[in-house]
Amino acid sequence: MSKQSDKNKIEYAQNLSHELMTPLAVIRSKVELLLQSPHLSEDDMNNLDIILKTVERMNRLNKALIILSKLDNNVYVDSEKVDLNDMVSSALEKFQDQIRLKELSIRFSRGEDIVFETNKNILDILLTNLIKNAVLHNYPHGRILIETNTRYIKVENTCNKDVPENIFNRFVSSVDKPHSLGLGLAIVSKICESFNYELSHNISAESFTIEVKF
């Protein structure tokens, strides 16, 4: 397939994404206005809350599919020096509220001087999805172990539910999270494929471990 054809596909996906964002934003704003009404019944409130959650899910799906489209067409080519440990810490910060809510135990075993060249935005997406998966599919008072060493990261989380063997496929989510998009680990897998990273995982009775070698 030609570069021009790839470019046209990406532009089409981006334009479609933009067109979807506008009606979704309108729906959100109208629902938020309705929620301010003093005359709503409990059923009305519940139904509006479902609409808001559906809109948020569609927004997340929209963004995830754009990322996958760009990865499919090798858009992310720029690289710069990045510090893996700093980026892991930044990714963890994004989930501090959820970590506190679940009272998760976090252990971050840092390797030293892990600096290498890659696309910074893509690495952030990869780390964010790894940690999000470990938080989302954990249970209260569970644990997350993160280990970095020369050119690799390993993330292990406790989980007491069955993990599908095809968890890296698109739109596959675990049985305890039916509302999950099922795209987070698919994006991780696609990033590893696009950047020649080595991806492996291990499932045990009480834990799920993912390792990425850069």
N, C-alpha and C. Protein backbone atom coordinates (compact mmCIF):
# COMPACT_ATOMS: atom_id res chain seq x y z
N MET A 1 0.84 -1.19 0.00
CA MET A 1 0.00 0.00 0.00
C MET A 1 0.88 1.25 0.00
N SER A 2 0.54 2.27 -0.80
CA SER A 2 1.36 3.46 -0.94
C SER A 2 1.30 4.33 0.30
N LYS A 3 2.34 5.20 0.43
CA LYS A 3 2.38 6.13 1.55
C LYS A 3 1.21 7.09 1.49
N GLN A 4 0.84 7.50 0.25
CA GLN A 4 -0.29 8.41 0.10
C GLN A 4 -1.58 7.76 0.56
N SER A 5 -1.73 6.48 0.25
CA SER A 5 -2.93 5.74 0.68
C SER A 5 -2.97 5.64 2.20
N ASP A 6 -1.81 5.37 2.82
CA ASP A 6 -1.74 5.31 4.28
C ASP A 6 -2.10 6.66 4.89
N LYS A 7 -1.57 7.74 4.28
CA LYS A 7 -1.85 9.08 4.77
C LYS A 7 -3.34 9.39 4.67
N ASN A 8 -3.96 8.98 3.56
CA ASN A 8 -5.40 9.22 3.38
C ASN A 8 -6.22 8.48 4.42
N LYS A 9 -5.80 7.25 4.75
CA LYS A 9 -6.51 6.47 5.76
C LYS A 9 -6.44 7.15 7.12
N ILE A 10 -5.24 7.64 7.45
CA ILE A 10 -5.06 8.30 8.75
C ILE A 10 -5.88 9.57 8.82
N GLU A 11 -5.83 10.37 7.74
CA GLU A 11 -6.60 11.62 7.72
C GLU A 11 -8.09 11.33 7.82
N TYR A 12 -8.55 10.29 7.16
CA TYR A 12 -9.97 9.92 7.24
C TYR A 12 -10.34 9.55 8.68
N ALA A 13 -9.48 8.75 9.33
CA ALA A 13 -9.75 8.34 10.71
C ALA A 13 -9.76 9.55 11.64
N GLN A 14 -8.81 10.48 11.44
CA GLN A 14 -8.75 11.67 12.28
C GLN A 14 -9.97 12.56 12.06
N ASN A 15 -10.39 12.71 10.81
CA ASN A 15 -11.57 13.52 10.51
C ASN A 15 -12.82 12.90 11.11
N LEU A 16 -12.92 11.59 11.00
CA LEU A 16 -14.08 10.89 11.58
C LEU A 16 -14.09 11.07 13.09
N SER A 17 -12.91 10.95 13.70
CA SER A 17 -12.80 11.14 15.15
C SER A 17 -13.26 12.53 15.55
N HIS A 18 -12.82 13.54 14.80
CA HIS A 18 -13.21 14.92 15.10
C HIS A 18 -14.71 15.11 14.97
N GLU A 19 -15.30 14.51 13.93
CA GLU A 19 -16.74 14.64 13.72
C GLU A 19 -17.53 13.98 14.85
N LEU A 20 -17.00 12.90 15.39
CA LEU A 20 -17.68 12.22 16.49
C LEU A 20 -17.60 13.01 17.79
N MET A 21 -16.50 13.73 17.97
CA MET A 21 -16.30 14.46 19.22
C MET A 21 -17.35 15.55 19.42
N THR A 22 -17.77 16.19 18.33
CA THR A 22 -18.73 17.30 18.45
C THR A 22 -20.09 16.85 18.98
N PRO A 23 -20.75 15.86 18.37
CA PRO A 23 -22.04 15.44 18.93
C PRO A 23 -21.92 14.85 20.33
N LEU A 24 -20.81 14.19 20.62
CA LEU A 24 -20.62 13.64 21.96
C LEU A 24 -20.51 14.76 22.99
N ALA A 25 -19.82 15.83 22.63
CA ALA A 25 -19.70 16.97 23.53
C ALA A 25 -21.05 17.64 23.75
N VAL A 26 -21.87 17.71 22.71
CA VAL A 26 -23.21 18.30 22.83
C VAL A 26 -24.07 17.46 23.76
N ILE A 27 -24.02 16.14 23.57
CA ILE A 27 -24.80 15.24 24.44
C ILE A 27 -24.38 15.42 25.89
N ARG A 28 -23.08 15.46 26.14
CA ARG A 28 -22.58 15.62 27.50
C ARG A 28 -23.08 16.91 28.12
N SER A 29 -22.97 18.02 27.39
CA SER A 29 -23.36 19.31 27.95
C SER A 29 -24.85 19.37 28.24
N LYS A 30 -25.67 18.80 27.36
CA LYS A 30 -27.12 18.81 27.56
C LYS A 30 -27.51 17.95 28.76
N VAL A 31 -26.85 16.80 28.91
CA VAL A 31 -27.14 15.92 30.04
C VAL A 31 -26.74 16.61 31.35
N GLU A 32 -25.60 17.27 31.35
CA GLU A 32 -25.14 17.97 32.55
C GLU A 32 -26.11 19.08 32.94
N LEU A 33 -26.68 19.75 31.95
CA LEU A 33 -27.69 20.77 32.23
C LEU A 33 -28.95 20.14 32.84
N LEU A 34 -29.37 19.02 32.28
CA LEU A 34 -30.56 18.33 32.79
C LEU A 34 -30.35 17.87 34.23
N LEU A 35 -29.14 17.47 34.55
CA LEU A 35 -28.86 16.99 35.90
C LEU A 35 -29.00 18.08 36.95
N GLN A 36 -28.98 19.33 36.52
CA GLN A 36 -29.14 20.43 37.45
C GLN A 36 -30.60 20.74 37.77
N SER A 37 -31.51 20.09 37.07
CA SER A 37 -32.93 20.32 37.30
C SER A 37 -33.36 19.77 38.67
N PRO A 38 -34.14 20.54 39.42
CA PRO A 38 -34.60 20.08 40.75
C PRO A 38 -35.80 19.13 40.67
N HIS A 39 -36.28 18.90 39.46
CA HIS A 39 -37.52 18.11 39.30
C HIS A 39 -37.27 16.69 38.80
N LEU A 40 -36.06 16.24 38.84
CA LEU A 40 -35.76 14.90 38.34
C LEU A 40 -36.07 13.83 39.37
N SER A 41 -36.62 12.74 38.89
CA SER A 41 -36.85 11.60 39.78
C SER A 41 -35.56 10.80 39.89
N GLU A 42 -35.54 9.85 40.79
CA GLU A 42 -34.35 9.01 40.95
C GLU A 42 -34.07 8.22 39.68
N ASP A 43 -35.14 7.74 39.02
CA ASP A 43 -34.97 7.01 37.76
C ASP A 43 -34.37 7.92 36.69
N ASP A 44 -34.85 9.17 36.65
CA ASP A 44 -34.30 10.12 35.68
C ASP A 44 -32.81 10.31 35.91
N MET A 45 -32.43 10.48 37.17
CA MET A 45 -31.01 10.68 37.50
C MET A 45 -30.18 9.47 37.08
N ASN A 46 -30.70 8.29 37.34
CA ASN A 46 -29.97 7.07 36.99
C ASN A 46 -29.80 6.95 35.47
N ASN A 47 -30.87 7.27 34.74
CA ASN A 47 -30.81 7.18 33.28
C ASN A 47 -29.83 8.19 32.69
N LEU A 48 -29.81 9.39 33.24
CA LEU A 48 -28.88 10.41 32.76
C LEU A 48 -27.44 10.02 33.09
N ASP A 49 -27.25 9.41 34.24
CA ASP A 49 -25.92 8.95 34.62
C ASP A 49 -25.43 7.87 33.65
N ILE A 50 -26.33 6.99 33.23
CA ILE A 50 -25.98 5.95 32.25
C ILE A 50 -25.57 6.59 30.93
N ILE A 51 -26.31 7.64 30.52
CA ILE A 51 -25.98 8.33 29.27
C ILE A 51 -24.59 8.95 29.35
N LEU A 52 -24.28 9.61 30.48
CA LEU A 52 -22.96 10.22 30.64
C LEU A 52 -21.84 9.18 30.58
N LYS A 53 -22.06 8.05 31.23
CA LYS A 53 -21.04 7.00 31.22
C LYS A 53 -20.87 6.42 29.82
N THR A 54 -21.96 6.32 29.08
CA THR A 54 -21.88 5.82 27.71
C THR A 54 -21.12 6.80 26.82
N VAL A 55 -21.37 8.09 27.00
CA VAL A 55 -20.64 9.10 26.24
C VAL A 55 -19.15 9.04 26.53
N GLU A 56 -18.80 8.88 27.81
CA GLU A 56 -17.39 8.80 28.19
C GLU A 56 -16.76 7.55 27.58
N ARG A 57 -17.49 6.46 27.57
CA ARG A 57 -16.98 5.22 26.96
C ARG A 57 -16.73 5.43 25.46
N MET A 58 -17.65 6.11 24.79
CA MET A 58 -17.48 6.37 23.36
C MET A 58 -16.29 7.28 23.10
N ASN A 59 -16.07 8.25 23.98
CA ASN A 59 -14.90 9.12 23.84
C ASN A 59 -13.61 8.32 23.97
N ARG A 60 -13.57 7.44 24.96
CA ARG A 60 -12.37 6.62 25.16
C ARG A 60 -12.14 5.68 23.98
N LEU A 61 -13.22 5.11 23.48
CA LEU A 61 -13.13 4.22 22.33
C LEU A 61 -12.62 4.96 21.10
N ASN A 62 -13.13 6.16 20.91
CA ASN A 62 -12.73 7.01 19.79
C ASN A 62 -11.22 7.27 19.83
N LYS A 63 -10.71 7.67 21.00
CA LYS A 63 -9.28 7.98 21.14
C LYS A 63 -8.43 6.73 20.94
N ALA A 64 -8.88 5.61 21.49
CA ALA A 64 -8.11 4.38 21.39
C ALA A 64 -8.00 3.90 19.94
N LEU A 65 -9.09 4.01 19.19
CA LEU A 65 -9.08 3.56 17.80
C LEU A 65 -8.19 4.45 16.94
N ILE A 66 -8.11 5.74 17.25
CA ILE A 66 -7.20 6.62 16.53
C ILE A 66 -5.75 6.22 16.78
N ILE A 67 -5.43 5.90 18.04
CA ILE A 67 -4.07 5.45 18.36
C ILE A 67 -3.73 4.19 17.58
N LEU A 68 -4.66 3.24 17.55
CA LEU A 68 -4.42 1.99 16.83
C LEU A 68 -4.26 2.24 15.33
N SER A 69 -5.06 3.17 14.80
CA SER A 69 -4.95 3.50 13.37
C SER A 69 -3.57 4.05 13.04
N LYS A 70 -3.06 4.93 13.90
CA LYS A 70 -1.73 5.51 13.67
C LYS A 70 -0.64 4.45 13.79
N LEU A 71 -0.80 3.56 14.76
CA LEU A 71 0.19 2.49 14.91
C LEU A 71 0.17 1.55 13.71
N ASP A 72 -1.04 1.24 13.22
CA ASP A 72 -1.17 0.37 12.06
C ASP A 72 -0.44 0.94 10.85
N ASN A 73 -0.34 2.28 10.79
CA ASN A 73 0.25 2.94 9.63
C ASN A 73 1.61 3.58 9.93
N ASN A 74 2.21 3.15 11.06
CA ASN A 74 3.59 3.57 11.40
C ASN A 74 3.77 5.09 11.39
N VAL A 75 2.86 5.78 12.06
CA VAL A 75 2.94 7.24 12.10
C VAL A 75 3.99 7.72 13.09
N TYR A 76 4.14 7.00 14.19
CA TYR A 76 5.02 7.46 15.26
C TYR A 76 6.48 7.12 14.93
N VAL A 77 7.19 8.08 14.37
CA VAL A 77 8.57 7.82 13.96
C VAL A 77 9.58 8.68 14.72
N ASP A 78 9.17 9.81 15.27
CA ASP A 78 10.10 10.68 15.99
C ASP A 78 10.58 9.99 17.27
N SER A 79 11.85 10.21 17.63
CA SER A 79 12.37 9.62 18.86
C SER A 79 13.21 10.65 19.60
N GLU A 80 13.34 10.42 20.89
CA GLU A 80 14.16 11.27 21.75
C GLU A 80 14.61 10.45 22.95
N LYS A 81 15.58 10.97 23.69
CA LYS A 81 16.03 10.26 24.88
C LYS A 81 14.99 10.38 25.99
N VAL A 82 14.67 9.25 26.60
CA VAL A 82 13.68 9.23 27.68
C VAL A 82 14.25 8.45 28.86
N ASP A 83 13.82 8.84 30.05
CA ASP A 83 14.19 8.14 31.27
C ASP A 83 13.00 7.26 31.67
N LEU A 84 13.19 5.95 31.60
CA LEU A 84 12.10 5.01 31.85
C LEU A 84 11.52 5.17 33.25
N ASN A 85 12.38 5.30 34.26
CA ASN A 85 11.89 5.41 35.63
C ASN A 85 11.04 6.66 35.84
N ASP A 86 11.48 7.79 35.27
CA ASP A 86 10.70 9.02 35.39
C ASP A 86 9.33 8.86 34.75
N MET A 87 9.29 8.19 33.61
CA MET A 87 8.02 8.04 32.91
C MET A 87 7.09 7.07 33.63
N VAL A 88 7.66 6.03 34.27
CA VAL A 88 6.83 5.12 35.08
C VAL A 88 6.21 5.89 36.25
N SER A 89 7.01 6.72 36.91
CA SER A 89 6.51 7.52 38.04
C SER A 89 5.40 8.45 37.59
N SER A 90 5.56 9.07 36.42
CA SER A 90 4.53 9.96 35.89
C SER A 90 3.25 9.20 35.57
N ALA A 91 3.40 8.00 35.02
CA ALA A 91 2.23 7.18 34.70
C ALA A 91 1.50 6.76 35.98
N LEU A 92 2.24 6.43 37.01
CA LEU A 92 1.63 6.06 38.29
C LEU A 92 0.82 7.21 38.88
N GLU A 93 1.32 8.43 38.72
CA GLU A 93 0.62 9.61 39.25
C GLU A 93 -0.79 9.74 38.69
N LYS A 94 -0.99 9.30 37.48
CA LYS A 94 -2.30 9.42 36.83
C LYS A 94 -3.37 8.59 37.55
N PHE A 95 -2.94 7.57 38.29
CA PHE A 95 -3.89 6.63 38.90
C PHE A 95 -3.86 6.67 40.43
N GLN A 96 -3.33 7.76 41.00
CA GLN A 96 -3.23 7.85 42.45
C GLN A 96 -4.60 7.77 43.14
N ASP A 97 -5.62 8.38 42.56
CA ASP A 97 -6.95 8.34 43.16
C ASP A 97 -7.48 6.91 43.22
N GLN A 98 -7.36 6.19 42.10
CA GLN A 98 -7.84 4.80 42.07
C GLN A 98 -7.02 3.91 42.99
N ILE A 99 -5.71 4.18 43.06
CA ILE A 99 -4.84 3.39 43.94
C ILE A 99 -5.22 3.59 45.40
N ARG A 100 -5.50 4.85 45.77
CA ARG A 100 -5.92 5.13 47.16
C ARG A 100 -7.29 4.53 47.45
N LEU A 101 -8.18 4.64 46.48
CA LEU A 101 -9.54 4.11 46.68
C LEU A 101 -9.52 2.60 46.92
N LYS A 102 -8.70 1.89 46.19
CA LYS A 102 -8.60 0.44 46.36
C LYS A 102 -7.61 0.04 47.44
N GLU A 103 -6.88 1.04 47.97
CA GLU A 103 -5.86 0.79 48.98
C GLU A 103 -4.85 -0.25 48.51
N LEU A 104 -4.35 -0.02 47.31
CA LEU A 104 -3.38 -0.95 46.71
C LEU A 104 -1.97 -0.68 47.24
N SER A 105 -1.23 -1.74 47.37
CA SER A 105 0.18 -1.63 47.77
C SER A 105 1.02 -1.58 46.50
N ILE A 106 1.85 -0.53 46.38
CA ILE A 106 2.69 -0.36 45.19
C ILE A 106 4.16 -0.53 45.57
N ARG A 107 4.85 -1.39 44.86
CA ARG A 107 6.30 -1.53 45.05
C ARG A 107 6.97 -1.31 43.70
N PHE A 108 7.80 -0.28 43.64
CA PHE A 108 8.48 0.08 42.41
C PHE A 108 9.98 -0.17 42.59
N SER A 109 10.48 -1.23 41.98
CA SER A 109 11.89 -1.59 42.06
C SER A 109 12.60 -0.99 40.84
N ARG A 110 13.33 0.09 41.06
CA ARG A 110 13.94 0.85 39.96
C ARG A 110 15.34 0.35 39.61
N GLY A 111 15.56 0.15 38.32
CA GLY A 111 16.92 -0.04 37.86
C GLY A 111 17.59 1.32 37.75
N GLU A 112 18.87 1.34 37.52
CA GLU A 112 19.61 2.60 37.47
C GLU A 112 19.92 3.02 36.04
N ASP A 113 19.84 4.35 35.82
CA ASP A 113 20.26 4.95 34.55
C ASP A 113 19.62 4.27 33.33
N ILE A 114 18.30 4.17 33.35
CA ILE A 114 17.61 3.54 32.21
C ILE A 114 17.14 4.64 31.27
N VAL A 115 18.04 5.05 30.39
CA VAL A 115 17.75 6.09 29.41
C VAL A 115 17.99 5.52 28.02
N PHE A 116 17.01 5.65 27.15
CA PHE A 116 17.18 5.17 25.78
C PHE A 116 16.33 6.02 24.84
N GLU A 117 16.49 5.82 23.56
CA GLU A 117 15.77 6.62 22.57
C GLU A 117 14.54 5.88 22.08
N THR A 118 13.40 6.59 22.10
CA THR A 118 12.16 6.05 21.56
C THR A 118 11.19 7.20 21.40
N ASN A 119 10.00 6.91 20.91
CA ASN A 119 8.97 7.94 20.81
C ASN A 119 8.35 8.13 22.20
N LYS A 120 8.50 9.32 22.75
CA LYS A 120 8.08 9.57 24.13
C LYS A 120 6.58 9.41 24.30
N ASN A 121 5.79 9.91 23.35
CA ASN A 121 4.33 9.80 23.47
C ASN A 121 3.87 8.35 23.48
N ILE A 122 4.50 7.55 22.63
CA ILE A 122 4.13 6.14 22.55
C ILE A 122 4.52 5.40 23.83
N LEU A 123 5.71 5.71 24.36
CA LEU A 123 6.11 5.06 25.61
C LEU A 123 5.16 5.43 26.73
N ASP A 124 4.71 6.68 26.76
CA ASP A 124 3.75 7.10 27.77
C ASP A 124 2.44 6.33 27.63
N ILE A 125 1.97 6.15 26.41
CA ILE A 125 0.74 5.39 26.18
C ILE A 125 0.91 3.94 26.64
N LEU A 126 2.06 3.35 26.32
CA LEU A 126 2.32 1.96 26.71
C LEU A 126 2.33 1.81 28.24
N LEU A 127 3.09 2.67 28.92
CA LEU A 127 3.19 2.59 30.39
C LEU A 127 1.86 2.87 31.05
N THR A 128 1.14 3.86 30.53
CA THR A 128 -0.18 4.20 31.09
C THR A 128 -1.13 3.02 31.00
N ASN A 129 -1.13 2.34 29.86
CA ASN A 129 -2.03 1.20 29.69
C ASN A 129 -1.60 0.01 30.55
N LEU A 130 -0.30 -0.20 30.72
CA LEU A 130 0.16 -1.27 31.59
C LEU A 130 -0.29 -1.05 33.03
N ILE A 131 -0.10 0.18 33.52
CA ILE A 131 -0.44 0.47 34.91
C ILE A 131 -1.96 0.54 35.09
N LYS A 132 -2.65 1.09 34.11
CA LYS A 132 -4.11 1.12 34.18
C LYS A 132 -4.66 -0.29 34.29
N ASN A 133 -4.12 -1.21 33.50
CA ASN A 133 -4.58 -2.60 33.55
C ASN A 133 -4.34 -3.20 34.92
N ALA A 134 -3.16 -2.91 35.51
CA ALA A 134 -2.82 -3.46 36.82
C ALA A 134 -3.72 -2.92 37.92
N VAL A 135 -4.14 -1.66 37.78
CA VAL A 135 -5.04 -1.05 38.77
C VAL A 135 -6.47 -1.52 38.56
N LEU A 136 -6.93 -1.46 37.32
CA LEU A 136 -8.32 -1.79 37.01
C LEU A 136 -8.67 -3.22 37.36
N HIS A 137 -7.76 -4.13 37.09
CA HIS A 137 -8.05 -5.56 37.28
C HIS A 137 -7.47 -6.09 38.58
N ASN A 138 -7.33 -5.21 39.54
CA ASN A 138 -6.88 -5.59 40.87
C ASN A 138 -8.07 -5.61 41.82
N TYR A 139 -7.85 -6.09 43.03
CA TYR A 139 -8.92 -6.08 44.02
C TYR A 139 -8.49 -5.23 45.22
N PRO A 140 -9.43 -4.80 46.07
CA PRO A 140 -9.08 -3.97 47.22
C PRO A 140 -7.98 -4.61 48.07
N HIS A 141 -7.03 -3.78 48.48
CA HIS A 141 -5.89 -4.21 49.31
C HIS A 141 -4.94 -5.15 48.55
N GLY A 142 -5.05 -5.15 47.23
CA GLY A 142 -4.14 -5.95 46.42
C GLY A 142 -2.80 -5.26 46.28
N ARG A 143 -1.97 -5.79 45.39
CA ARG A 143 -0.63 -5.22 45.24
C ARG A 143 -0.27 -5.10 43.76
N ILE A 144 0.63 -4.17 43.49
CA ILE A 144 1.21 -4.00 42.17
C ILE A 144 2.72 -3.94 42.34
N LEU A 145 3.42 -4.78 41.61
CA LEU A 145 4.88 -4.79 41.64
C LEU A 145 5.38 -4.33 40.28
N ILE A 146 6.20 -3.30 40.27
CA ILE A 146 6.78 -2.78 39.04
C ILE A 146 8.29 -2.88 39.13
N GLU A 147 8.89 -3.52 38.15
CA GLU A 147 10.35 -3.67 38.15
C GLU A 147 10.90 -3.16 36.82
N THR A 148 11.90 -2.28 36.92
CA THR A 148 12.61 -1.84 35.72
C THR A 148 14.07 -2.25 35.83
N ASN A 149 14.62 -2.58 34.71
CA ASN A 149 16.03 -2.92 34.66
C ASN A 149 16.53 -2.43 33.30
N THR A 150 17.72 -2.79 32.95
CA THR A 150 18.27 -2.31 31.69
C THR A 150 17.37 -2.72 30.53
N ARG A 151 16.65 -1.76 30.02
CA ARG A 151 15.81 -1.92 28.83
C ARG A 151 14.61 -2.85 29.00
N TYR A 152 14.07 -3.00 30.19
CA TYR A 152 12.80 -3.71 30.28
C TYR A 152 11.98 -3.22 31.46
N ILE A 153 10.68 -3.48 31.39
CA ILE A 153 9.77 -3.21 32.50
C ILE A 153 8.89 -4.44 32.71
N LYS A 154 8.66 -4.75 33.99
CA LYS A 154 7.78 -5.86 34.35
C LYS A 154 6.73 -5.33 35.32
N VAL A 155 5.45 -5.62 35.04
CA VAL A 155 4.36 -5.18 35.90
C VAL A 155 3.55 -6.40 36.32
N GLU A 156 3.45 -6.61 37.63
CA GLU A 156 2.69 -7.74 38.17
C GLU A 156 1.60 -7.20 39.09
N ASN A 157 0.40 -7.73 38.92
CA ASN A 157 -0.70 -7.32 39.80
C ASN A 157 -1.49 -8.52 40.29
N THR A 158 -1.98 -8.42 41.51
CA THR A 158 -2.86 -9.47 42.03
C THR A 158 -4.19 -9.41 41.32
N CYS A 159 -4.78 -10.55 41.11
CA CYS A 159 -6.13 -10.62 40.51
C CYS A 159 -6.71 -11.97 40.88
N ASN A 160 -8.00 -11.98 41.15
CA ASN A 160 -8.64 -13.24 41.57
C ASN A 160 -9.70 -13.69 40.58
N LYS A 161 -9.61 -13.17 39.36
CA LYS A 161 -10.56 -13.57 38.32
C LYS A 161 -9.80 -14.22 37.17
N ASP A 162 -10.53 -15.00 36.37
CA ASP A 162 -9.91 -15.63 35.21
C ASP A 162 -9.48 -14.56 34.20
N VAL A 163 -8.27 -14.69 33.68
CA VAL A 163 -7.75 -13.79 32.66
C VAL A 163 -7.78 -14.52 31.33
N PRO A 164 -8.45 -13.97 30.32
CA PRO A 164 -8.50 -14.66 29.02
C PRO A 164 -7.11 -14.82 28.42
N GLU A 165 -6.86 -15.96 27.80
CA GLU A 165 -5.56 -16.19 27.17
C GLU A 165 -5.33 -15.22 26.01
N ASN A 166 -6.42 -14.76 25.37
CA ASN A 166 -6.30 -13.85 24.24
C ASN A 166 -6.49 -12.40 24.67
N ILE A 167 -6.02 -12.07 25.88
CA ILE A 167 -6.25 -10.76 26.48
C ILE A 167 -5.66 -9.63 25.65
N PHE A 168 -4.66 -9.92 24.79
CA PHE A 168 -4.03 -8.88 23.98
C PHE A 168 -4.78 -8.61 22.68
N ASN A 169 -5.82 -9.39 22.40
CA ASN A 169 -6.61 -9.14 21.21
C ASN A 169 -7.52 -7.93 21.42
N ARG A 170 -7.89 -7.27 20.35
CA ARG A 170 -8.76 -6.11 20.45
C ARG A 170 -10.16 -6.51 20.92
N PHE A 171 -10.72 -5.69 21.79
CA PHE A 171 -12.08 -5.83 22.31
C PHE A 171 -12.26 -7.08 23.17
N VAL A 172 -11.16 -7.55 23.76
CA VAL A 172 -11.24 -8.66 24.73
C VAL A 172 -11.00 -8.09 26.11
N SER A 173 -11.94 -8.33 27.03
CA SER A 173 -11.78 -7.87 28.41
C SER A 173 -12.06 -9.03 29.35
N SER A 174 -11.58 -8.91 30.58
CA SER A 174 -11.77 -10.00 31.55
C SER A 174 -13.22 -10.05 32.00
N VAL A 175 -13.61 -11.18 32.55
CA VAL A 175 -15.01 -11.41 32.87
C VAL A 175 -15.52 -10.48 33.96
N ASP A 176 -14.62 -9.97 34.82
CA ASP A 176 -15.06 -9.13 35.93
C ASP A 176 -15.16 -7.66 35.53
N LYS A 177 -14.78 -7.31 34.27
CA LYS A 177 -14.85 -5.93 33.81
C LYS A 177 -15.56 -5.88 32.46
N PRO A 178 -16.86 -6.21 32.42
CA PRO A 178 -17.57 -6.26 31.15
C PRO A 178 -17.68 -4.91 30.46
N HIS A 179 -17.51 -3.80 31.20
CA HIS A 179 -17.63 -2.47 30.60
C HIS A 179 -16.29 -1.93 30.11
N SER A 180 -15.23 -2.68 30.31
CA SER A 180 -13.92 -2.26 29.81
C SER A 180 -13.93 -2.29 28.29
N LEU A 181 -13.20 -1.36 27.66
CA LEU A 181 -13.15 -1.33 26.21
C LEU A 181 -12.45 -2.55 25.63
N GLY A 182 -11.54 -3.13 26.39
CA GLY A 182 -10.79 -4.26 25.86
C GLY A 182 -9.77 -3.83 24.81
N LEU A 183 -9.30 -2.57 24.91
CA LEU A 183 -8.33 -2.07 23.94
C LEU A 183 -6.99 -1.71 24.55
N GLY A 184 -6.93 -1.58 25.88
CA GLY A 184 -5.69 -1.15 26.52
C GLY A 184 -4.52 -2.06 26.22
N LEU A 185 -4.69 -3.36 26.43
CA LEU A 185 -3.60 -4.30 26.19
C LEU A 185 -3.42 -4.57 24.70
N ALA A 186 -4.49 -4.38 23.93
CA ALA A 186 -4.34 -4.48 22.47
C ALA A 186 -3.43 -3.38 21.96
N ILE A 187 -3.54 -2.19 22.55
CA ILE A 187 -2.66 -1.08 22.19
C ILE A 187 -1.23 -1.39 22.61
N VAL A 188 -1.05 -1.95 23.82
CA VAL A 188 0.27 -2.36 24.28
C VAL A 188 0.89 -3.35 23.28
N SER A 189 0.11 -4.33 22.87
CA SER A 189 0.59 -5.34 21.94
C SER A 189 0.98 -4.72 20.60
N LYS A 190 0.15 -3.80 20.12
CA LYS A 190 0.43 -3.16 18.83
C LYS A 190 1.67 -2.28 18.90
N ILE A 191 1.86 -1.58 20.02
CA ILE A 191 3.06 -0.77 20.20
C ILE A 191 4.30 -1.66 20.15
N CYS A 192 4.25 -2.76 20.87
CA CYS A 192 5.39 -3.68 20.90
C CYS A 192 5.69 -4.22 19.51
N GLU A 193 4.65 -4.54 18.77
CA GLU A 193 4.83 -5.03 17.40
C GLU A 193 5.45 -3.95 16.51
N SER A 194 4.96 -2.72 16.64
CA SER A 194 5.41 -1.63 15.77
C SER A 194 6.84 -1.19 16.08
N PHE A 195 7.24 -1.29 17.36
CA PHE A 195 8.55 -0.80 17.77
C PHE A 195 9.55 -1.93 18.05
N ASN A 196 9.16 -3.15 17.68
CA ASN A 196 10.03 -4.32 17.88
C ASN A 196 10.39 -4.53 19.35
N TYR A 197 9.45 -4.28 20.23
CA TYR A 197 9.62 -4.60 21.64
C TYR A 197 9.17 -6.05 21.84
N GLU A 198 9.78 -6.73 22.78
CA GLU A 198 9.41 -8.11 23.08
C GLU A 198 8.38 -8.14 24.21
N LEU A 199 7.20 -8.66 23.94
CA LEU A 199 6.11 -8.69 24.90
C LEU A 199 5.84 -10.11 25.36
N SER A 200 5.77 -10.30 26.69
CA SER A 200 5.43 -11.61 27.23
C SER A 200 4.56 -11.43 28.46
N HIS A 201 3.83 -12.47 28.82
CA HIS A 201 2.98 -12.39 30.01
C HIS A 201 2.89 -13.75 30.68
N ASN A 202 2.51 -13.71 31.94
CA ASN A 202 2.35 -14.94 32.71
C ASN A 202 1.11 -14.82 33.59
N ILE A 203 0.31 -15.86 33.60
CA ILE A 203 -0.92 -15.89 34.39
C ILE A 203 -0.81 -16.99 35.43
N SER A 204 -0.99 -16.63 36.69
CA SER A 204 -1.01 -17.62 37.76
C SER A 204 -2.36 -17.56 38.46
N ALA A 205 -2.50 -18.34 39.53
CA ALA A 205 -3.79 -18.39 40.22
C ALA A 205 -4.19 -17.05 40.82
N GLU A 206 -3.21 -16.24 41.24
CA GLU A 206 -3.53 -15.00 41.93
C GLU A 206 -2.88 -13.76 41.33
N SER A 207 -2.15 -13.91 40.24
CA SER A 207 -1.47 -12.73 39.70
C SER A 207 -1.36 -12.79 38.18
N PHE A 208 -1.18 -11.60 37.62
CA PHE A 208 -1.00 -11.45 36.17
C PHE A 208 0.23 -10.59 35.95
N THR A 209 1.17 -11.06 35.15
CA THR A 209 2.43 -10.35 34.94
C THR A 209 2.65 -10.07 33.46
N ILE A 210 3.03 -8.84 33.16
CA ILE A 210 3.40 -8.46 31.80
C ILE A 210 4.83 -7.95 31.80
N GLU A 211 5.61 -8.38 30.83
CA GLU A 211 6.99 -7.90 30.71
C GLU A 211 7.20 -7.38 29.28
N VAL A 212 7.80 -6.20 29.19
CA VAL A 212 8.14 -5.60 27.90
C VAL A 212 9.64 -5.34 27.86
N LYS A 213 10.32 -5.94 26.87
CA LYS A 213 11.74 -5.69 26.67
C LYS A 213 11.90 -4.73 25.49
N PHE A 214 12.65 -3.65 25.74
CA PHE A 214 12.80 -2.62 24.72
C PHE A 214 13.96 -2.93 23.78
